[in-house]
Amino acid sequence: MFKACFQTPVVNNANRFVMNAEVVVMKTSPVITNANRFVMNAEVVVMKVQAVVTNAFCCGYL
């Protein structure tokens, strides 16, 4: 049940798409500072936490 929930493609793929789009924007932008990289890393962590929470909610753990 838990494993099946983690394979829910819609939410996970949407999150990956958004995250990948942000990474591409970062890589093609030449004037990126360390502060911006730090902020992006924090956003990636937040997105991963949101994905876990979404999966837990989908499985009925919350």
PDB file of N, CA and C in Angstrom:
ATOM      1  N   MET A   1       0.841  -1.203   0.000  1.00  0.00           N
ATOM      2  CA  MET A   1       0.000   0.000   0.000  1.00  0.00           C
ATOM      3  C   MET A   1       0.873   1.249   0.000  1.00  0.00           C
ATOM      4  N   PHE A   2       1.828   1.290   0.924  1.00  0.00           N
ATOM      5  CA  PHE A   2       2.703   2.465   1.020  1.00  0.00           C
ATOM      6  C   PHE A   2       3.540   2.611  -0.244  1.00  0.00           C
ATOM      7  N   LYS A   3       4.091   1.478  -0.732  1.00  0.00           N
ATOM      8  CA  LYS A   3       4.928   1.529  -1.931  1.00  0.00           C
ATOM      9  C   LYS A   3       4.109   1.946  -3.143  1.00  0.00           C
ATOM     10  N   ALA A   4       2.911   1.413  -3.248  1.00  0.00           N
ATOM     11  CA  ALA A   4       2.046   1.773  -4.370  1.00  0.00           C
ATOM     12  C   ALA A   4       1.749   3.266  -4.358  1.00  0.00           C
ATOM     13  N   CYS A   5       1.591   3.796  -3.154  1.00  0.00           N
ATOM     14  CA  CYS A   5       1.291   5.218  -3.042  1.00  0.00           C
ATOM     15  C   CYS A   5       2.464   6.059  -3.527  1.00  0.00           C
ATOM     16  N   PHE A   6       3.667   5.624  -3.238  1.00  0.00           N
ATOM     17  CA  PHE A   6       4.840   6.392  -3.663  1.00  0.00           C
ATOM     18  C   PHE A   6       5.008   6.365  -5.176  1.00  0.00           C
ATOM     19  N   GLN A   7       4.290   5.469  -5.834  1.00  0.00           N
ATOM     20  CA  GLN A   7       4.387   5.398  -7.289  1.00  0.00           C
ATOM     21  C   GLN A   7       3.286   6.194  -7.970  1.00  0.00           C
ATOM     22  N   THR A   8       2.478   6.941  -7.199  1.00  0.00           N
ATOM     23  CA  THR A   8       1.460   7.781  -7.828  1.00  0.00           C
ATOM     24  C   THR A   8       2.154   8.752  -8.759  1.00  0.00           C
ATOM     25  N   PRO A   9       1.940   8.621 -10.051  1.00  0.00           N
ATOM     26  CA  PRO A   9       2.753   9.354 -11.030  1.00  0.00           C
ATOM     27  C   PRO A   9       2.382  10.825 -11.160  1.00  0.00           C
ATOM     28  N   VAL A  10       1.114  11.181 -10.976  1.00  0.00           N
ATOM     29  CA  VAL A  10       0.685  12.535 -11.321  1.00  0.00           C
ATOM     30  C   VAL A  10       1.373  13.576 -10.459  1.00  0.00           C
ATOM     31  N   VAL A  11       1.260  13.437  -9.143  1.00  0.00           N
ATOM     32  CA  VAL A  11       1.830  14.437  -8.234  1.00  0.00           C
ATOM     33  C   VAL A  11       3.348  14.421  -8.302  1.00  0.00           C
ATOM     34  N   ASN A  12       3.933  13.232  -8.251  1.00  0.00           N
ATOM     35  CA  ASN A  12       5.392  13.130  -8.241  1.00  0.00           C
ATOM     36  C   ASN A  12       5.991  13.680  -9.531  1.00  0.00           C
ATOM     37  N   ASN A  13       5.413  13.325 -10.681  1.00  0.00           N
ATOM     38  CA  ASN A  13       5.937  13.815 -11.950  1.00  0.00           C
ATOM     39  C   ASN A  13       5.766  15.322 -12.059  1.00  0.00           C
ATOM     40  N   ALA A  14       4.662  15.846 -11.565  1.00  0.00           N
ATOM     41  CA  ALA A  14       4.452  17.299 -11.597  1.00  0.00           C
ATOM     42  C   ALA A  14       5.518  17.990 -10.756  1.00  0.00           C
ATOM     43  N   ASN A  15       5.794  17.450  -9.565  1.00  0.00           N
ATOM     44  CA  ASN A  15       6.823  18.042  -8.703  1.00  0.00           C
ATOM     45  C   ASN A  15       8.186  17.974  -9.372  1.00  0.00           C
ATOM     46  N   ARG A  16       8.503  16.836  -9.985  1.00  0.00           N
ATOM     47  CA  ARG A  16       9.799  16.690 -10.655  1.00  0.00           C
ATOM     48  C   ARG A  16       9.909  17.664 -11.816  1.00  0.00           C
ATOM     49  N   PHE A  17       8.817  17.843 -12.553  1.00  0.00           N
ATOM     50  CA  PHE A  17       8.849  18.745 -13.701  1.00  0.00           C
ATOM     51  C   PHE A  17       9.136  20.173 -13.255  1.00  0.00           C
ATOM     52  N   VAL A  18       8.453  20.620 -12.204  1.00  0.00           N
ATOM     53  CA  VAL A  18       8.669  21.978 -11.699  1.00  0.00           C
ATOM     54  C   VAL A  18      10.104  22.132 -11.220  1.00  0.00           C
ATOM     55  N   MET A  19      10.590  21.145 -10.466  1.00  0.00           N
ATOM     56  CA  MET A  19      11.945  21.224  -9.927  1.00  0.00           C
ATOM     57  C   MET A  19      12.968  21.235 -11.066  1.00  0.00           C
ATOM     58  N   ASN A  20      12.783  20.372 -12.077  1.00  0.00           N
ATOM     59  CA  ASN A  20      13.709  20.331 -13.207  1.00  0.00           C
ATOM     60  C   ASN A  20      13.682  21.644 -13.970  1.00  0.00           C
ATOM     61  N   ALA A  21      12.512  22.236 -14.131  1.00  0.00           N
ATOM     62  CA  ALA A  21      12.407  23.521 -14.826  1.00  0.00           C
ATOM     63  C   ALA A  21      13.205  24.584 -14.081  1.00  0.00           C
ATOM     64  N   GLU A  22      13.114  24.580 -12.739  1.00  0.00           N
ATOM     65  CA  GLU A  22      13.868  25.559 -11.950  1.00  0.00           C
ATOM     66  C   GLU A  22      15.368  25.331 -12.111  1.00  0.00           C
ATOM     67  N   VAL A  23      15.796  24.075 -12.136  1.00  0.00           N
ATOM     68  CA  VAL A  23      17.219  23.771 -12.291  1.00  0.00           C
ATOM     69  C   VAL A  23      17.712  24.242 -13.652  1.00  0.00           C
ATOM     70  N   VAL A  24      16.919  24.026 -14.701  1.00  0.00           N
ATOM     71  CA  VAL A  24      17.309  24.461 -16.048  1.00  0.00           C
ATOM     72  C   VAL A  24      17.447  25.977 -16.086  1.00  0.00           C
ATOM     73  N   VAL A  25      16.503  26.683 -15.492  1.00  0.00           N
ATOM     74  CA  VAL A  25      16.578  28.145 -15.451  1.00  0.00           C
ATOM     75  C   VAL A  25      17.857  28.572 -14.746  1.00  0.00           C
ATOM     76  N   MET A  26      18.178  27.898 -13.628  1.00  0.00           N
ATOM     77  CA  MET A  26      19.402  28.232 -12.894  1.00  0.00           C
ATOM     78  C   MET A  26      20.636  28.034 -13.766  1.00  0.00           C
ATOM     79  N   LYS A  27      20.702  26.898 -14.463  1.00  0.00           N
ATOM     80  CA  LYS A  27      21.906  26.577 -15.233  1.00  0.00           C
ATOM     81  C   LYS A  27      22.089  27.527 -16.405  1.00  0.00           C
ATOM     82  N   THR A  28      20.991  27.995 -17.008  1.00  0.00           N
ATOM     83  CA  THR A  28      21.114  28.861 -18.178  1.00  0.00           C
ATOM     84  C   THR A  28      21.279  30.317 -17.776  1.00  0.00           C
ATOM     85  N   SER A  29      21.187  30.600 -16.487  1.00  0.00           N
ATOM     86  CA  SER A  29      21.332  31.974 -16.015  1.00  0.00           C
ATOM     87  C   SER A  29      22.765  32.195 -15.543  1.00  0.00           C
ATOM     88  N   PRO A  30      23.537  33.053 -16.220  1.00  0.00           N
ATOM     89  CA  PRO A  30      24.969  33.174 -15.927  1.00  0.00           C
ATOM     90  C   PRO A  30      25.276  33.976 -14.670  1.00  0.00           C
ATOM     91  N   VAL A  31      24.350  34.796 -14.189  1.00  0.00           N
ATOM     92  CA  VAL A  31      24.655  35.693 -13.078  1.00  0.00           C
ATOM     93  C   VAL A  31      24.021  35.186 -11.787  1.00  0.00           C
ATOM     94  N   ILE A  32      24.236  33.904 -11.475  1.00  0.00           N
ATOM     95  CA  ILE A  32      23.640  33.321 -10.272  1.00  0.00           C
ATOM     96  C   ILE A  32      24.633  33.411  -9.116  1.00  0.00           C
ATOM     97  N   THR A  33      24.144  33.887  -7.983  1.00  0.00           N
ATOM     98  CA  THR A  33      25.016  34.008  -6.810  1.00  0.00           C
ATOM     99  C   THR A  33      24.877  32.791  -5.916  1.00  0.00           C
ATOM    100  N   ASN A  34      25.789  32.672  -4.956  1.00  0.00           N
ATOM    101  CA  ASN A  34      25.699  31.583  -3.989  1.00  0.00           C
ATOM    102  C   ASN A  34      24.424  31.692  -3.165  1.00  0.00           C
ATOM    103  N   ALA A  35      23.991  32.900  -2.886  1.00  0.00           N
ATOM    104  CA  ALA A  35      22.750  33.096  -2.123  1.00  0.00           C
ATOM    105  C   ALA A  35      21.570  32.510  -2.887  1.00  0.00           C
ATOM    106  N   ASN A  36      21.522  32.750  -4.193  1.00  0.00           N
ATOM    107  CA  ASN A  36      20.433  32.208  -5.000  1.00  0.00           C
ATOM    108  C   ASN A  36      20.479  30.690  -5.011  1.00  0.00           C
ATOM    109  N   ARG A  37      21.677  30.122  -5.084  1.00  0.00           N
ATOM    110  CA  ARG A  37      21.795  28.660  -5.057  1.00  0.00           C
ATOM    111  C   ARG A  37      21.288  28.114  -3.723  1.00  0.00           C
ATOM    112  N   PHE A  38      21.625  28.809  -2.651  1.00  0.00           N
ATOM    113  CA  PHE A  38      21.179  28.374  -1.328  1.00  0.00           C
ATOM    114  C   PHE A  38      19.654  28.396  -1.241  1.00  0.00           C
ATOM    115  N   VAL A  39      19.048  29.461  -1.745  1.00  0.00           N
ATOM    116  CA  VAL A  39      17.585  29.571  -1.736  1.00  0.00           C
ATOM    117  C   VAL A  39      16.979  28.443  -2.550  1.00  0.00           C
ATOM    118  N   MET A  40      17.563  28.150  -3.720  1.00  0.00           N
ATOM    119  CA  MET A  40      16.999  27.093  -4.552  1.00  0.00           C
ATOM    120  C   MET A  40      17.099  25.747  -3.847  1.00  0.00           C
ATOM    121  N   ASN A  41      18.229  25.490  -3.182  1.00  0.00           N
ATOM    122  CA  ASN A  41      18.379  24.225  -2.459  1.00  0.00           C
ATOM    123  C   ASN A  41      17.323  24.110  -1.366  1.00  0.00           C
ATOM    124  N   ALA A  42      17.050  25.204  -0.687  1.00  0.00           N
ATOM    125  CA  ALA A  42      16.009  25.193   0.345  1.00  0.00           C
ATOM    126  C   ALA A  42      14.653  24.889  -0.282  1.00  0.00           C
ATOM    127  N   GLU A  43      14.380  25.465  -1.473  1.00  0.00           N
ATOM    128  CA  GLU A  43      13.107  25.215  -2.149  1.00  0.00           C
ATOM    129  C   GLU A  43      12.997  23.752  -2.550  1.00  0.00           C
ATOM    130  N   VAL A  44      14.103  23.164  -2.999  1.00  0.00           N
ATOM    131  CA  VAL A  44      14.085  21.752  -3.386  1.00  0.00           C
ATOM    132  C   VAL A  44      13.750  20.881  -2.180  1.00  0.00           C
ATOM    133  N   VAL A  45      14.334  21.210  -1.025  1.00  0.00           N
ATOM    134  CA  VAL A  45      14.035  20.449   0.193  1.00  0.00           C
ATOM    135  C   VAL A  45      12.554  20.568   0.532  1.00  0.00           C
ATOM    136  N   VAL A  46      12.009  21.788   0.430  1.00  0.00           N
ATOM    137  CA  VAL A  46      10.585  21.996   0.710  1.00  0.00           C
ATOM    138  C   VAL A  46       9.737  21.159  -0.240  1.00  0.00           C
ATOM    139  N   MET A  47      10.107  21.139  -1.525  1.00  0.00           N
ATOM    140  CA  MET A  47       9.328  20.367  -2.498  1.00  0.00           C
ATOM    141  C   MET A  47       9.368  18.883  -2.167  1.00  0.00           C
ATOM    142  N   LYS A  48      10.535  18.373  -1.753  1.00  0.00           N
ATOM    143  CA  LYS A  48      10.630  16.954  -1.400  1.00  0.00           C
ATOM    144  C   LYS A  48       9.758  16.646  -0.193  1.00  0.00           C
ATOM    145  N   VAL A  49       9.755  17.555   0.783  1.00  0.00           N
ATOM    146  CA  VAL A  49       8.910  17.354   1.962  1.00  0.00           C
ATOM    147  C   VAL A  49       7.442  17.361   1.546  1.00  0.00           C
ATOM    148  N   GLN A  50       7.067  18.278   0.654  1.00  0.00           N
ATOM    149  CA  GLN A  50       5.682  18.340   0.188  1.00  0.00           C
ATOM    150  C   GLN A  50       5.296  17.044  -0.515  1.00  0.00           C
ATOM    151  N   ALA A  51       6.210  16.479  -1.303  1.00  0.00           N
ATOM    152  CA  ALA A  51       5.920  15.224  -1.998  1.00  0.00           C
ATOM    153  C   ALA A  51       5.679  14.103  -0.995  1.00  0.00           C
ATOM    154  N   VAL A  52       6.487  14.053   0.063  1.00  0.00           N
ATOM    155  CA  VAL A  52       6.316  13.021   1.089  1.00  0.00           C
ATOM    156  C   VAL A  52       4.982  13.208   1.801  1.00  0.00           C
ATOM    157  N   VAL A  53       4.668  14.455   2.141  1.00  0.00           N
ATOM    158  CA  VAL A  53       3.395  14.733   2.815  1.00  0.00           C
ATOM    159  C   VAL A  53       2.232  14.348   1.912  1.00  0.00           C
ATOM    160  N   THR A  54       2.338  14.683   0.619  1.00  0.00           N
ATOM    161  CA  THR A  54       1.278  14.334  -0.330  1.00  0.00           C
ATOM    162  C   THR A  54       1.109  12.828  -0.399  1.00  0.00           C
ATOM    163  N   ASN A  55       2.208  12.098  -0.454  1.00  0.00           N
ATOM    164  CA  ASN A  55       2.134  10.636  -0.494  1.00  0.00           C
ATOM    165  C   ASN A  55       1.512  10.090   0.782  1.00  0.00           C
ATOM    166  N   ALA A  56       1.897  10.643   1.924  1.00  0.00           N
ATOM    167  CA  ALA A  56       1.342  10.180   3.193  1.00  0.00           C
ATOM    168  C   ALA A  56      -0.162  10.447   3.230  1.00  0.00           C
ATOM    169  N   PHE A  57      -0.555  11.612   2.733  1.00  0.00           N
ATOM    170  CA  PHE A  57      -1.975  11.965   2.707  1.00  0.00           C
ATOM    171  C   PHE A  57      -2.728  11.013   1.784  1.00  0.00           C
ATOM    172  N   CYS A  58      -2.126  10.713   0.645  1.00  0.00           N
ATOM    173  CA  CYS A  58      -2.741   9.810  -0.327  1.00  0.00           C
ATOM    174  C   CYS A  58      -2.920   8.426   0.274  1.00  0.00           C
ATOM    175  N   CYS A  59      -2.010   8.014   1.122  1.00  0.00           N
ATOM    176  CA  CYS A  59      -2.086   6.685   1.731  1.00  0.00           C
ATOM    177  C   CYS A  59      -2.985   6.672   2.955  1.00  0.00           C
ATOM    178  N   GLY A  60      -3.445   7.837   3.383  1.00  0.00           N
ATOM    179  CA  GLY A  60      -4.319   7.895   4.539  1.00  0.00           C
ATOM    180  C   GLY A  60      -3.571   7.919   5.856  1.00  0.00           C
ATOM    181  N   TYR A  61      -2.269   8.298   5.827  1.00  0.00           N
ATOM    182  CA  TYR A  61      -1.510   8.361   7.077  1.00  0.00           C
ATOM    183  C   TYR A  61      -1.758   9.664   7.817  1.00  0.00           C
ATOM    184  N   LEU A  62      -2.302  10.670   7.099  1.00  0.00           N
ATOM    185  CA  LEU A  62      -2.555  11.959   7.752  1.00  0.00           C
ATOM    186  C   LEU A  62      -4.061  12.186   7.828  1.00  0.00           C
TER     187      LEU A  62
END
